[in-house]
Every structure is written in structure tokens, then in C-alpha cells.
Amino acid sequence: MIAFDSITKTFAGVTALNNVSLSIERGECHGLMGENGAGKSTLGKILAGIYSPDSGTVNIDGKSQSISSPRDAMRAGIGMVHQELAFCPDLTVAENLCMGIYPRKFGLFLDRKAMIAKAEKLLAQIDVSLDVCQCMRALSTAQEQLVQIAAAVGTNARILIFDEPTSSLSEPESQALFGLIERLRARGVTMIYVSHRMPEVFRLCDRISVLRDGKYVGTMTRAEATQDAIVRMMIGRSVTDYFPQHLDSSAGDVMLRVRNLTSPGKFNDVSFDIRRGEIVGFAGLVGAGRSEIATAIFGLDPSASGSIELNGKPLRLGSVRQAMSRGIGLVPEDRKRQGLVLGMSGRGNFSLASLDRLSRMGLLDFAEERRQAADYFDRLRVKTPSLEAPVAGLSGGNQQKIALAKWLGRGAKLLIVDEPTRGVDIGAKAAIHQIIDNLARQGVAIMLISSELPEVLNLSTRILVMREGRLVGEVPRAQATQERVVRLMANVAEATS
């Protein structure tokens, strides 16, 4: 169905794809894996008409295709679910879903009623119910991802590219997407599925291809593929255990004490403690209130009430300045919109949280800023052309390391990490897990929020479970199983023998 023939693509002298040849069979779901920067998304965007290759050809149905724009791709029956959410945030859900294909009255005027009906129909196809008249800006990241999936599937494309489609979805939403993909395959739709999550790839894909450093490495059938074999192809070595094994054997005094924390419409009467050297995982479905609690602790919720103590001293709610001065750091869920300034350099992003400490008489000490940035980038093994390179051009894993370095440079005593490995490859994921583990060993208190249950189960010293804005359970590491945590998240009773 699809044949990439000797595709090469460079950006500003950096080779993203180097002579890649790869074929996709008709009606299959074809997995595409590789580390960040391997060229997976670039290949998908060439097929979707977002990029044009420097050389090489794309053949569809045995015919060479010139796809120079997303409109060309749409006409050729190609749709794409992007990893980076691309919407007009101040337009409504309906306006975004119908962009480029707005229904019209008399061929001239926008038919708003028909547009709303069409948007609702697109969402209904993937079993999602949303108010399509609300602004995109009002949606959560997970809801935005679902809207994007609806937009791609609703074009009735014969070829669909899914680029990290579950990166923002909860487990039930991901399962619903898997069911949709299986129905699409039954209809004969050809799919390319890009993901870092191996269980998803092994479940959905008929064959799996691997790219490394912009080059095609090889293809395996699902029956041939094992996790270790795929990892070896991706990074050239085996990763037998990329979860560290920090244990709660020497947790110190209580660092954070939260009592009766409440924010109307978000969470209610939440109380918990985190000790020095602990990694306390927060599990829950999307909308359970985990991220909202994190932002309240960091001082970003002016409507929050209750009490918070840090190191035994009260912390004023609603004050980011005080939270930072007392040693709290927050790596937010969406690093691109909330954690980093993409147009700034790595050096500039690193120092954002420490400008007060790097300044003398109101003037920034550039030499000290560069020294500290270089030191922490070296410690965290950040791969960047230079300290001055814009972070927008770095891989997701390196961007996340810089978001972490920003708070390590400030000397955070309590670090809140929300979805620390979303959208990063297995190698970067292992490195970030090791960083979190090392921080706990050094006595930093860690509040870990993740939608990946294996991450929560393997990293946390204990797990707190949220449901509908309330803390509904605590599971010690020794007793934590995926089934037990999911039952608490979904309010399903334990099975009886």
C-alpha cells in the first residue's frame, strides 16, 4: 500500500532521515519505533504532506505520489493524529474539527448549525461526548488528543498515521482507542502506529519497523518481536531493567504535610504526607484531580483552601513565590506549554527558576549561569548542539531533562513531577527514572504523577489513588499490583474467590 523509497530529509544541516526505504502492507497496522530523534515523526509528516523529502519518493498503491501539503494528503486519503497537538486554541471545538471543510449555505456563508452537527458526529464516531461549542483552550490535554483523533478518523481516510496517540489518554480512553483501531483495520484501513509504549505496539501491530539515528534498521512480525529484540534495534544495546529499585528503607522526616486541601470543582478534603527520600506516586483516571492538587501545592490555585506545611512550617496557599523560596519545584504535565519557553535557549530555560540567585545588584551573572547550566546538562546528559540552541529543536527526552534541571539547579527539596516521561523514548525514559531515583536517594521528597501504571508501580515507594477529586486509597509498594490500583481508580470491588 505504501512504499517509502530512499527518503532523505535534513533540517538546518541535521539529517533527520537518511536514505530510508520501508514498505507498509495494505490493511495492516504497522508499528514504527525508535528513540526520540530517530526520524519516526518526520517520516509520518512526509506522508501527511507537512514536510517534503529532500530526495526519494513515496509510492501509494504502486503509484508515485507528490504530496506537498496536508490538503494533498487529505485528497489522497491520508490522515494523521499528531504527537504535538495542533489547534487554534481560541476557536471552538466544532470550528477546529471542521477547519478547511466548513459546511456552507448557498456556497458562501458558514452553516454553523451544520458545522456543530458534523463535529458532534465526528466525536460520536470515537464514542466521545463534548460540548463542541466550547473553546479549545478550555479542554484538558486528554480531551484535545481525543478531538484530534476524531478529526483524523472522521475524514474516512484509507491511510491513517497515529503519532503517540495515547500520550495524553487515560487507560479507559486508550482501551477505547485500541478498539477503534481494530475496527478500522477490519474495514481495511492501513495504519502506521508510532509509539514508545511496547505493550500497545505488540497488541495492535502486525509488523514493527525500527528507525535509529534517521536510518532504517529492520522490520519484525509481531510473532518474532520481543521487547529485548526491539530495544536492541532501537538503541544498539539491551535494557533488561530500566526501572530503578529505590526502596523506602530510610525515608526521613515528613517534608510535606497536606491537610483538608480543597478546591471547588477540582478536589475535596485531600490529606497526605510525603517524607524526605520518598517517591509517592499518584494514580487516577484523567480528571481525578492529581494535577490540580500539584498546582495547588505549588501556589497556582487561588481558590484552594486547607493547610500545607513544608518542613514543619506553614506554607501560604496561592503563592508561587513562597513555594519556590521554600524549595518546591514543579515539572508540569505539558512541558511545551507550561514547563519550557520553546523559543529560548537551553541555558535560558535552565536559569528561569533561579534568576534571583544568579543575579548581582539586579544584573544576571552570565558566566555563572553558563557554568551552572553546563554542569547540570552534563550531569543529566542533555544532548544539545550547544547551551544556546533553542529547546524547540531538541527531542522530547532532552526537553524533559532541561525541565528537571531547572529545578535541580535551584536546589528543590520537594519536587513535583507530573507525567515525567510522556512522549519520550525508552532510553530517555530510563535516564529520567534514574534521575528521579537518585534525587530520592539524596533526600529529595518526590510527588510523582503518571498515567502509566507500570511507571507508578515500579518507581513509587507507596501509591495514593485519586478518584473524582478525592483520595480513595493508599497502597504500599510491596502490595501494589496493577489490578489493585485500577480497581481503586475505577471503584471496582475486589474479586471474591
Protein backbone atom coordinates (compact mmCIF):
# COMPACT_ATOMS: atom_id res chain seq x y z
CA MET A 1 0.00 0.00 0.00
CA ILE A 2 2.79 2.43 0.94
CA ALA A 3 6.42 2.31 -0.15
CA PHE A 4 8.98 4.84 1.06
CA ASP A 5 11.90 4.70 -1.37
CA SER A 6 15.28 6.19 -0.34
CA ILE A 7 13.75 9.04 1.68
CA THR A 8 16.23 11.65 2.95
CA LYS A 9 15.33 14.78 4.92
CA THR A 10 17.59 17.33 6.63
CA PHE A 11 16.83 20.31 8.85
CA ALA A 12 19.45 23.06 9.18
CA GLY A 13 22.21 20.61 8.37
CA VAL A 14 20.91 17.90 10.73
CA THR A 15 19.91 14.68 8.94
CA ALA A 16 16.52 13.51 10.25
CA LEU A 17 16.10 10.71 7.69
CA ASN A 18 18.94 9.08 5.79
CA ASN A 19 18.01 7.01 2.72
CA VAL A 20 15.04 5.29 4.39
CA SER A 21 13.23 2.60 2.41
CA LEU A 22 10.25 0.91 4.05
CA SER A 23 7.03 -0.74 2.88
CA ILE A 24 3.62 -0.92 4.57
CA GLU A 25 1.16 -3.62 3.52
CA ARG A 26 -2.45 -2.92 2.67
CA GLY A 27 -4.82 -3.13 5.64
CA GLU A 28 -2.11 -3.69 8.27
CA CYS A 29 -1.36 -1.72 11.41
CA HIS A 30 2.38 -1.16 11.11
CA GLY A 31 4.34 -0.17 14.22
CA LEU A 32 7.13 2.38 13.93
CA MET A 33 9.55 2.60 16.84
CA GLY A 34 12.81 4.31 17.71
CA GLU A 35 14.32 6.75 20.15
CA ASN A 36 13.41 10.44 20.11
CA GLY A 37 15.10 11.97 17.10
CA ALA A 38 15.19 8.67 15.19
CA GLY A 39 13.01 10.14 12.43
CA LYS A 40 9.65 8.45 13.11
CA SER A 41 7.52 11.60 13.23
CA THR A 42 9.42 13.11 10.29
CA LEU A 43 8.58 10.08 8.14
CA GLY A 44 4.92 10.33 9.13
CA LYS A 45 4.85 14.06 8.37
CA ILE A 46 6.32 13.46 4.91
CA LEU A 47 3.46 11.05 4.19
CA ALA A 48 0.98 13.59 5.61
CA GLY A 49 2.31 16.40 3.38
CA ILE A 50 3.70 18.53 6.21
CA TYR A 51 7.31 18.05 5.05
CA SER A 52 8.69 17.36 1.59
CA PRO A 53 11.64 14.96 1.31
CA ASP A 54 14.97 16.30 0.05
CA SER A 55 15.23 13.16 -2.07
CA GLY A 56 13.41 9.88 -2.54
CA THR A 57 9.82 9.05 -3.43
CA VAL A 58 6.59 7.95 -1.77
CA ASN A 59 4.51 5.38 -3.63
CA ILE A 60 0.89 4.68 -2.75
CA ASP A 61 -0.93 1.81 -4.40
CA GLY A 62 2.03 1.34 -6.71
CA LYS A 63 1.98 4.93 -7.98
CA SER A 64 4.46 7.68 -7.17
CA GLN A 65 2.74 10.46 -5.22
CA SER A 66 3.68 14.12 -4.96
CA ILE A 67 2.29 15.14 -1.56
CA SER A 68 3.34 18.73 -1.00
CA SER A 69 0.68 19.85 1.50
CA PRO A 70 -1.79 18.45 4.07
CA ARG A 71 -4.56 19.20 1.55
CA ASP A 72 -2.80 16.96 -0.98
CA ALA A 73 -2.61 14.26 1.67
CA MET A 74 -6.29 14.62 2.50
CA ARG A 75 -7.19 14.29 -1.19
CA ALA A 76 -5.05 11.14 -1.35
CA GLY A 77 -6.98 9.69 1.61
CA ILE A 78 -4.28 10.21 4.26
CA GLY A 79 -4.98 11.43 7.80
CA MET A 80 -2.66 11.97 10.77
CA VAL A 81 -3.04 12.14 14.54
CA HIS A 82 -0.12 14.32 15.60
CA GLN A 83 2.03 13.89 18.70
CA GLU A 84 2.17 17.68 19.15
CA LEU A 85 -1.39 18.91 19.46
CA ALA A 86 -2.06 21.48 16.74
CA PHE A 87 -5.22 23.54 17.19
CA CYS A 88 -6.40 27.13 17.14
CA PRO A 89 -6.98 27.49 20.89
CA ASP A 90 -9.39 30.45 20.64
CA LEU A 91 -11.72 28.72 18.16
CA THR A 92 -14.41 26.29 19.28
CA VAL A 93 -14.12 22.51 19.13
CA ALA A 94 -16.52 22.49 16.16
CA GLU A 95 -14.56 25.17 14.29
CA ASN A 96 -11.35 23.22 14.79
CA LEU A 97 -12.88 19.89 13.76
CA CYS A 98 -14.32 21.33 10.54
CA MET A 99 -11.36 23.54 9.64
CA GLY A 100 -10.75 23.54 5.89
CA ILE A 101 -14.03 21.75 5.19
CA TYR A 102 -16.58 24.13 6.69
CA PRO A 103 -20.19 23.47 5.61
CA ARG A 104 -21.68 26.46 3.80
CA LYS A 105 -25.06 27.91 2.94
CA PHE A 106 -25.52 28.98 -0.65
CA GLY A 107 -21.83 28.20 -1.21
CA LEU A 108 -20.83 31.39 0.63
CA PHE A 109 -21.94 31.61 4.26
CA LEU A 110 -20.85 29.37 7.11
CA ASP A 111 -23.60 26.96 8.10
CA ARG A 112 -22.99 26.98 11.84
CA LYS A 113 -25.79 24.53 12.65
CA ALA A 114 -24.44 22.01 10.14
CA MET A 115 -20.90 22.55 11.46
CA ILE A 116 -21.97 21.76 15.03
CA ALA A 117 -23.86 18.65 13.88
CA LYS A 118 -20.86 17.49 11.86
CA ALA A 119 -18.47 17.99 14.81
CA GLU A 120 -20.76 16.05 17.14
CA LYS A 121 -20.96 13.23 14.60
CA LEU A 122 -17.14 13.10 14.31
CA LEU A 123 -16.79 12.81 18.09
CA ALA A 124 -19.57 10.22 18.29
CA GLN A 125 -17.61 8.00 15.88
CA ILE A 126 -14.97 7.56 18.59
CA ASP A 127 -17.52 7.46 21.46
CA VAL A 128 -16.59 10.89 22.87
CA SER A 129 -19.11 13.40 24.18
CA LEU A 130 -18.01 17.04 24.42
CA ASP A 131 -19.62 20.45 24.15
CA VAL A 132 -18.42 21.32 20.64
CA CYS A 133 -19.29 25.00 21.15
CA GLN A 134 -16.69 25.48 23.87
CA CYS A 135 -13.27 26.95 23.19
CA MET A 136 -10.41 24.51 22.59
CA ARG A 137 -8.46 26.37 25.27
CA ALA A 138 -10.92 25.11 27.88
CA LEU A 139 -10.17 21.43 27.18
CA SER A 140 -7.74 19.23 29.03
CA THR A 141 -4.76 17.76 27.17
CA ALA A 142 -6.52 14.38 27.02
CA GLN A 143 -9.68 15.93 25.56
CA GLU A 144 -7.60 17.78 22.95
CA GLN A 145 -5.99 14.48 21.96
CA LEU A 146 -9.42 12.88 21.54
CA VAL A 147 -10.59 15.78 19.36
CA GLN A 148 -7.52 15.33 17.18
CA ILE A 149 -8.21 11.59 16.81
CA ALA A 150 -11.81 12.39 15.84
CA ALA A 151 -10.60 14.87 13.22
CA ALA A 152 -8.29 12.32 11.60
CA VAL A 153 -10.66 9.34 11.72
CA GLY A 154 -13.59 11.44 10.53
CA THR A 155 -12.01 12.11 7.14
CA ASN A 156 -12.72 8.46 6.18
CA ALA A 157 -9.06 8.18 5.19
CA ARG A 158 -7.74 4.95 3.73
CA ILE A 159 -4.35 5.60 5.40
CA LEU A 160 -4.01 6.84 9.00
CA ILE A 161 -0.84 7.79 10.87
CA PHE A 162 -1.06 7.68 14.67
CA ASP A 163 1.88 9.52 16.28
CA GLU A 164 1.93 8.79 20.03
CA PRO A 165 -1.90 8.86 20.17
CA THR A 166 -2.18 7.68 23.81
CA SER A 167 0.43 10.03 25.29
CA SER A 168 -2.30 12.10 26.99
CA LEU A 169 -5.01 9.47 27.43
CA SER A 170 -6.14 7.56 30.49
CA GLU A 171 -6.26 3.77 30.48
CA PRO A 172 -10.00 3.56 29.63
CA GLU A 173 -9.58 6.14 26.85
CA SER A 174 -6.59 4.23 25.49
CA GLN A 175 -8.56 0.97 25.52
CA ALA A 176 -11.39 2.68 23.60
CA LEU A 177 -8.84 3.90 21.02
CA PHE A 178 -7.45 0.36 20.63
CA GLY A 179 -10.95 -0.89 19.92
CA LEU A 180 -11.37 1.84 17.32
CA ILE A 181 -8.08 0.89 15.63
CA GLU A 182 -9.15 -2.75 15.47
CA ARG A 183 -12.44 -1.70 13.84
CA LEU A 184 -10.56 0.46 11.34
CA ARG A 185 -8.29 -2.45 10.45
CA ALA A 186 -11.35 -4.65 9.92
CA ARG A 187 -12.58 -2.01 7.44
CA GLY A 188 -9.29 -2.31 5.53
CA VAL A 189 -7.72 0.99 6.66
CA THR A 190 -3.91 0.94 6.50
CA MET A 191 -2.32 2.40 9.65
CA ILE A 192 1.13 3.47 10.80
CA TYR A 193 1.32 3.44 14.60
CA VAL A 194 4.18 5.41 16.19
CA SER A 195 4.60 4.79 19.92
CA HIS A 196 7.18 4.33 22.66
CA ARG A 197 4.81 2.04 24.56
CA MET A 198 5.71 -1.53 23.67
CA PRO A 199 2.59 -3.24 25.08
CA GLU A 200 0.49 -1.08 22.75
CA VAL A 201 2.65 -1.87 19.73
CA PHE A 202 2.69 -5.61 20.48
CA ARG A 203 -1.09 -5.62 20.92
CA LEU A 204 -2.05 -3.61 17.83
CA CYS A 205 0.61 -4.00 15.17
CA ASP A 206 1.02 -6.76 12.58
CA ARG A 207 4.64 -5.78 11.89
CA ILE A 208 7.08 -3.47 13.66
CA SER A 209 9.83 -1.41 11.99
CA VAL A 210 12.64 0.38 13.82
CA LEU A 211 14.50 3.58 12.93
CA ARG A 212 17.75 4.60 14.61
CA ASP A 213 19.53 7.92 14.05
CA GLY A 214 17.46 8.55 10.93
CA LYS A 215 18.23 5.18 9.34
CA TYR A 216 16.04 2.14 8.76
CA VAL A 217 17.23 -0.75 10.96
CA GLY A 218 14.76 -3.53 10.22
CA THR A 219 11.24 -4.97 10.44
CA MET A 220 9.85 -7.82 12.53
CA THR A 221 6.49 -9.52 12.56
CA ARG A 222 4.59 -9.37 15.83
CA ALA A 223 5.29 -13.09 16.37
CA GLU A 224 9.05 -12.51 16.01
CA ALA A 225 9.24 -9.36 18.13
CA THR A 226 10.27 -9.33 21.78
CA GLN A 227 10.86 -6.30 23.97
CA ASP A 228 14.57 -7.02 24.22
CA ALA A 229 14.92 -7.51 20.46
CA ILE A 230 13.15 -4.22 19.71
CA VAL A 231 15.21 -2.33 22.30
CA ARG A 232 18.44 -3.72 20.85
CA MET A 233 17.37 -2.48 17.41
CA MET A 234 16.40 0.92 18.82
CA ILE A 235 19.45 1.73 20.92
CA GLY A 236 22.02 -0.90 20.00
CA ARG A 237 22.02 -2.50 23.44
CA SER A 238 19.73 -4.38 25.79
CA VAL A 239 17.73 -2.69 28.51
CA THR A 240 16.89 -5.51 30.86
CA ASP A 241 15.67 -3.36 33.74
CA TYR A 242 15.15 0.31 33.12
CA PHE A 243 13.12 0.87 36.30
CA PRO A 244 15.38 1.70 39.26
CA GLN A 245 14.80 -0.10 42.52
CA HIS A 246 14.66 2.62 45.16
CA LEU A 247 13.08 1.24 48.31
CA ASP A 248 11.53 3.09 51.22
CA SER A 249 14.06 1.78 53.71
CA SER A 250 15.42 5.07 55.01
CA ALA A 251 12.69 7.67 54.49
CA GLY A 252 13.33 10.68 56.70
CA ASP A 253 11.14 13.20 58.47
CA VAL A 254 7.91 14.49 56.99
CA MET A 255 8.77 17.07 54.32
CA LEU A 256 5.24 17.88 53.10
CA ARG A 257 2.10 17.71 55.21
CA VAL A 258 -1.21 18.38 53.41
CA ARG A 259 -4.45 18.59 55.38
CA ASN A 260 -8.02 19.04 54.10
CA LEU A 261 -6.87 20.57 50.81
CA THR A 262 -9.93 21.58 48.81
CA SER A 263 -10.60 23.46 45.59
CA PRO A 264 -14.23 23.78 44.44
CA GLY A 265 -14.98 21.63 41.42
CA LYS A 266 -11.46 20.11 41.35
CA PHE A 267 -10.74 18.12 44.54
CA ASN A 268 -12.08 17.88 48.05
CA ASP A 269 -10.68 17.24 51.54
CA VAL A 270 -7.35 15.74 50.49
CA SER A 271 -4.80 14.91 53.21
CA PHE A 272 -1.43 13.15 52.92
CA ASP A 273 2.25 13.32 53.93
CA ILE A 274 5.45 12.91 51.94
CA ARG A 275 8.74 12.20 53.72
CA ARG A 276 12.29 13.01 52.70
CA GLY A 277 13.59 10.41 50.29
CA GLU A 278 10.14 9.10 49.40
CA ILE A 279 8.71 8.79 45.91
CA VAL A 280 4.96 8.96 46.44
CA GLY A 281 3.05 8.04 43.29
CA PHE A 282 -0.38 9.46 42.50
CA ALA A 283 -2.60 7.24 40.33
CA GLY A 284 -6.04 8.02 38.96
CA LEU A 285 -8.08 8.44 35.82
CA VAL A 286 -7.89 11.66 33.82
CA GLY A 287 -9.90 14.26 35.72
CA ALA A 288 -9.37 12.60 39.10
CA GLY A 289 -7.66 15.75 40.41
CA ARG A 290 -3.99 14.70 40.58
CA SER A 291 -2.54 17.54 38.50
CA GLU A 292 -4.86 20.03 40.18
CA ILE A 293 -3.51 19.07 43.62
CA ALA A 294 0.04 19.51 42.33
CA THR A 295 -0.64 23.01 41.02
CA ALA A 296 -2.39 23.95 44.27
CA ILE A 297 0.63 22.88 46.34
CA PHE A 298 2.81 24.97 44.03
CA GLY A 299 0.63 28.02 44.65
CA LEU A 300 -1.14 28.20 41.29
CA ASP A 301 -4.71 27.77 42.59
CA PRO A 302 -6.04 30.92 44.30
CA SER A 303 -9.29 29.16 45.25
CA ALA A 304 -7.59 26.36 47.21
CA SER A 305 -8.21 26.06 50.94
CA GLY A 306 -6.86 23.83 53.70
CA SER A 307 -3.38 23.73 55.16
CA ILE A 308 0.06 22.81 53.86
CA GLU A 309 3.23 22.52 55.92
CA LEU A 310 6.72 22.23 54.48
CA ASN A 311 9.44 21.15 56.89
CA GLY A 312 7.03 21.73 59.76
CA LYS A 313 6.29 25.35 58.83
CA PRO A 314 3.03 26.60 57.27
CA LEU A 315 3.06 27.34 53.54
CA ARG A 316 0.81 30.10 52.27
CA LEU A 317 -1.68 28.85 49.69
CA GLY A 318 -1.83 30.69 46.39
CA SER A 319 1.77 31.96 46.48
CA VAL A 320 4.14 30.56 43.85
CA ARG A 321 6.85 32.91 45.10
CA GLN A 322 6.73 31.42 48.60
CA ALA A 323 6.51 27.85 47.29
CA MET A 324 9.68 28.39 45.23
CA SER A 325 11.54 30.18 48.01
CA ARG A 326 10.74 27.30 50.39
CA GLY A 327 12.14 24.70 47.97
CA ILE A 328 9.21 23.38 45.93
CA GLY A 329 9.69 22.67 42.22
CA LEU A 330 7.05 21.66 39.66
CA VAL A 331 7.70 19.84 36.39
CA PRO A 332 4.24 20.23 34.81
CA GLU A 333 2.21 17.83 32.70
CA ASP A 334 2.69 19.77 29.45
CA ARG A 335 6.36 20.67 29.19
CA LYS A 336 5.95 22.55 25.92
CA ARG A 337 3.25 24.93 27.12
CA GLN A 338 3.87 25.09 30.86
CA GLY A 339 7.39 23.86 31.59
CA LEU A 340 9.59 25.48 28.94
CA VAL A 341 9.84 28.56 26.74
CA LEU A 342 10.44 26.84 23.41
CA GLY A 343 11.99 29.80 21.63
CA MET A 344 14.59 30.33 24.36
CA SER A 345 17.91 28.54 24.65
CA GLY A 346 18.58 25.62 26.95
CA ARG A 347 20.70 27.95 29.09
CA GLY A 348 17.86 30.48 29.33
CA ASN A 349 15.30 27.84 30.29
CA PHE A 350 17.62 26.36 32.91
CA SER A 351 18.02 29.67 34.73
CA LEU A 352 14.35 30.74 34.66
CA ALA A 353 13.69 29.37 38.16
CA SER A 354 16.96 30.74 39.60
CA LEU A 355 17.23 34.29 38.24
CA ASP A 356 17.11 35.72 41.77
CA ARG A 357 20.07 33.53 42.79
CA LEU A 358 22.08 34.19 39.65
CA SER A 359 21.78 37.97 39.80
CA ARG A 360 24.01 40.55 41.47
CA MET A 361 22.56 44.00 42.09
CA GLY A 362 19.81 43.27 39.59
CA LEU A 363 22.16 42.10 36.84
CA LEU A 364 22.36 38.49 35.67
CA ASP A 365 25.76 36.85 36.16
CA PHE A 366 26.04 35.30 32.67
CA ALA A 367 29.27 33.46 33.43
CA GLU A 368 27.78 31.73 36.48
CA GLU A 369 24.57 31.00 34.58
CA ARG A 370 26.52 29.28 31.80
CA ARG A 371 28.69 27.39 34.29
CA GLN A 372 25.71 26.01 36.20
CA ALA A 373 23.76 25.18 33.04
CA ALA A 374 26.75 23.31 31.59
CA ASP A 375 27.22 21.45 34.89
CA TYR A 376 23.61 20.25 35.15
CA PHE A 377 23.32 19.46 31.45
CA ASP A 378 26.40 17.30 31.84
CA ARG A 379 25.03 15.58 34.95
CA LEU A 380 21.70 14.82 33.25
CA ARG A 381 23.36 14.00 29.91
CA VAL A 382 21.33 16.53 27.97
CA LYS A 383 22.09 16.18 24.26
CA THR A 384 22.07 19.63 22.66
CA PRO A 385 24.22 21.25 19.95
CA SER A 386 25.09 24.00 22.44
CA LEU A 387 23.79 25.76 25.53
CA GLU A 388 22.41 28.44 23.20
CA ALA A 389 20.38 26.06 20.98
CA PRO A 390 16.60 26.68 21.24
CA VAL A 391 14.87 23.91 23.19
CA ALA A 392 12.17 23.71 20.48
CA GLY A 393 14.65 21.78 18.31
CA LEU A 394 15.53 19.18 20.95
CA SER A 395 13.95 15.76 21.41
CA GLY A 396 11.22 15.28 23.99
CA GLY A 397 13.57 13.44 26.34
CA ASN A 398 16.14 16.24 26.29
CA GLN A 399 13.45 18.87 26.75
CA GLN A 400 12.20 16.98 29.82
CA LYS A 401 15.72 16.76 31.23
CA ILE A 402 16.04 20.54 30.93
CA ALA A 403 12.67 20.98 32.67
CA LEU A 404 14.11 18.85 35.51
CA ALA A 405 17.48 20.61 35.50
CA LYS A 406 15.74 23.94 36.04
CA TRP A 407 14.57 22.81 39.47
CA LEU A 408 17.67 20.84 40.39
CA GLY A 409 19.70 23.99 39.79
CA ARG A 410 17.51 25.79 42.29
CA GLY A 411 18.02 23.00 44.83
CA ALA A 412 14.40 21.81 45.12
CA LYS A 413 13.65 19.91 48.34
CA LEU A 414 10.20 18.81 47.22
CA LEU A 415 9.93 18.02 43.52
CA ILE A 416 6.52 17.51 41.91
CA VAL A 417 6.83 15.67 38.59
CA ASP A 418 3.66 15.37 36.50
CA GLU A 419 3.88 12.83 33.64
CA PRO A 420 7.71 12.83 33.72
CA THR A 421 8.19 10.54 30.70
CA ARG A 422 5.25 11.45 28.46
CA GLY A 423 6.30 11.27 24.82
CA VAL A 424 9.93 10.24 25.43
CA ASP A 425 11.68 7.15 24.14
CA ILE A 426 12.73 4.14 26.20
CA GLY A 427 16.34 5.29 26.54
CA ALA A 428 15.36 8.77 27.78
CA LYS A 429 12.70 7.18 29.99
CA ALA A 430 15.34 5.03 31.69
CA ALA A 431 17.54 8.09 32.23
CA ILE A 432 14.68 10.15 33.72
CA HIS A 433 13.68 7.27 36.01
CA GLN A 434 17.27 7.08 37.22
CA ILE A 435 17.36 10.85 37.86
CA ILE A 436 14.18 10.65 39.97
CA ASP A 437 15.55 7.65 41.85
CA ASN A 438 18.86 9.39 42.55
CA LEU A 439 17.10 12.50 43.83
CA ALA A 440 15.11 10.38 46.30
CA ARG A 441 18.33 8.72 47.46
CA GLN A 442 19.72 12.22 48.12
CA GLY A 443 16.76 13.00 50.38
CA VAL A 444 14.55 14.94 47.98
CA ALA A 445 10.83 14.30 48.51
CA ILE A 446 9.18 13.34 45.22
CA MET A 447 5.49 13.64 44.32
CA LEU A 448 5.10 11.54 41.14
CA ILE A 449 2.02 11.78 38.92
CA SER A 450 1.79 9.43 35.95
CA SER A 451 -0.87 7.86 33.76
CA GLU A 452 1.48 4.93 33.07
CA LEU A 453 0.69 2.42 35.79
CA PRO A 454 3.96 0.45 35.36
CA GLU A 455 5.82 3.70 35.98
CA VAL A 456 3.87 4.42 39.17
CA LEU A 457 4.13 0.83 40.40
CA ASN A 458 7.87 0.50 39.79
CA LEU A 459 9.09 3.94 40.85
CA SER A 460 6.95 4.70 43.89
CA THR A 461 7.66 3.80 47.48
CA ARG A 462 3.89 3.96 48.02
CA ILE A 463 0.91 4.88 45.86
CA LEU A 464 -2.01 7.21 46.61
CA VAL A 465 -5.09 6.71 44.44
CA MET A 466 -7.40 9.56 43.43
CA ARG A 467 -10.96 9.23 42.15
CA GLU A 468 -13.32 12.08 41.27
CA GLY A 469 -11.37 14.64 43.28
CA ARG A 470 -10.97 12.53 46.41
CA LEU A 471 -8.14 10.47 47.84
CA VAL A 472 -9.65 6.97 47.99
CA GLY A 473 -6.79 4.72 48.95
CA GLU A 474 -3.12 4.13 49.72
CA VAL A 475 -1.20 1.08 48.54
CA PRO A 476 2.27 0.21 49.90
CA ARG A 477 4.83 -0.75 47.27
CA ALA A 478 5.00 -4.36 48.48
CA GLN A 479 1.25 -4.82 47.99
CA ALA A 480 0.87 -2.79 44.78
CA THR A 481 -0.41 -4.59 41.71
CA GLN A 482 -1.86 -3.12 38.56
CA GLU A 483 -5.20 -4.82 39.23
CA ARG A 484 -5.45 -3.48 42.77
CA VAL A 485 -4.66 0.10 41.75
CA VAL A 486 -7.04 0.01 38.76
CA ARG A 487 -9.86 -1.28 40.97
CA LEU A 488 -9.37 1.67 43.32
CA MET A 489 -9.16 4.11 40.40
CA ALA A 490 -12.38 2.79 38.84
CA ASN A 491 -14.25 1.98 42.09
CA VAL A 492 -14.49 -1.73 41.30
CA ALA A 493 -14.66 -4.10 44.26
CA GLU A 494 -12.01 -6.76 44.78
CA ALA A 495 -12.87 -10.05 43.10
CA THR A 496 -14.01 -12.76 45.50
CA SER A 497 -12.98 -16.37 45.06
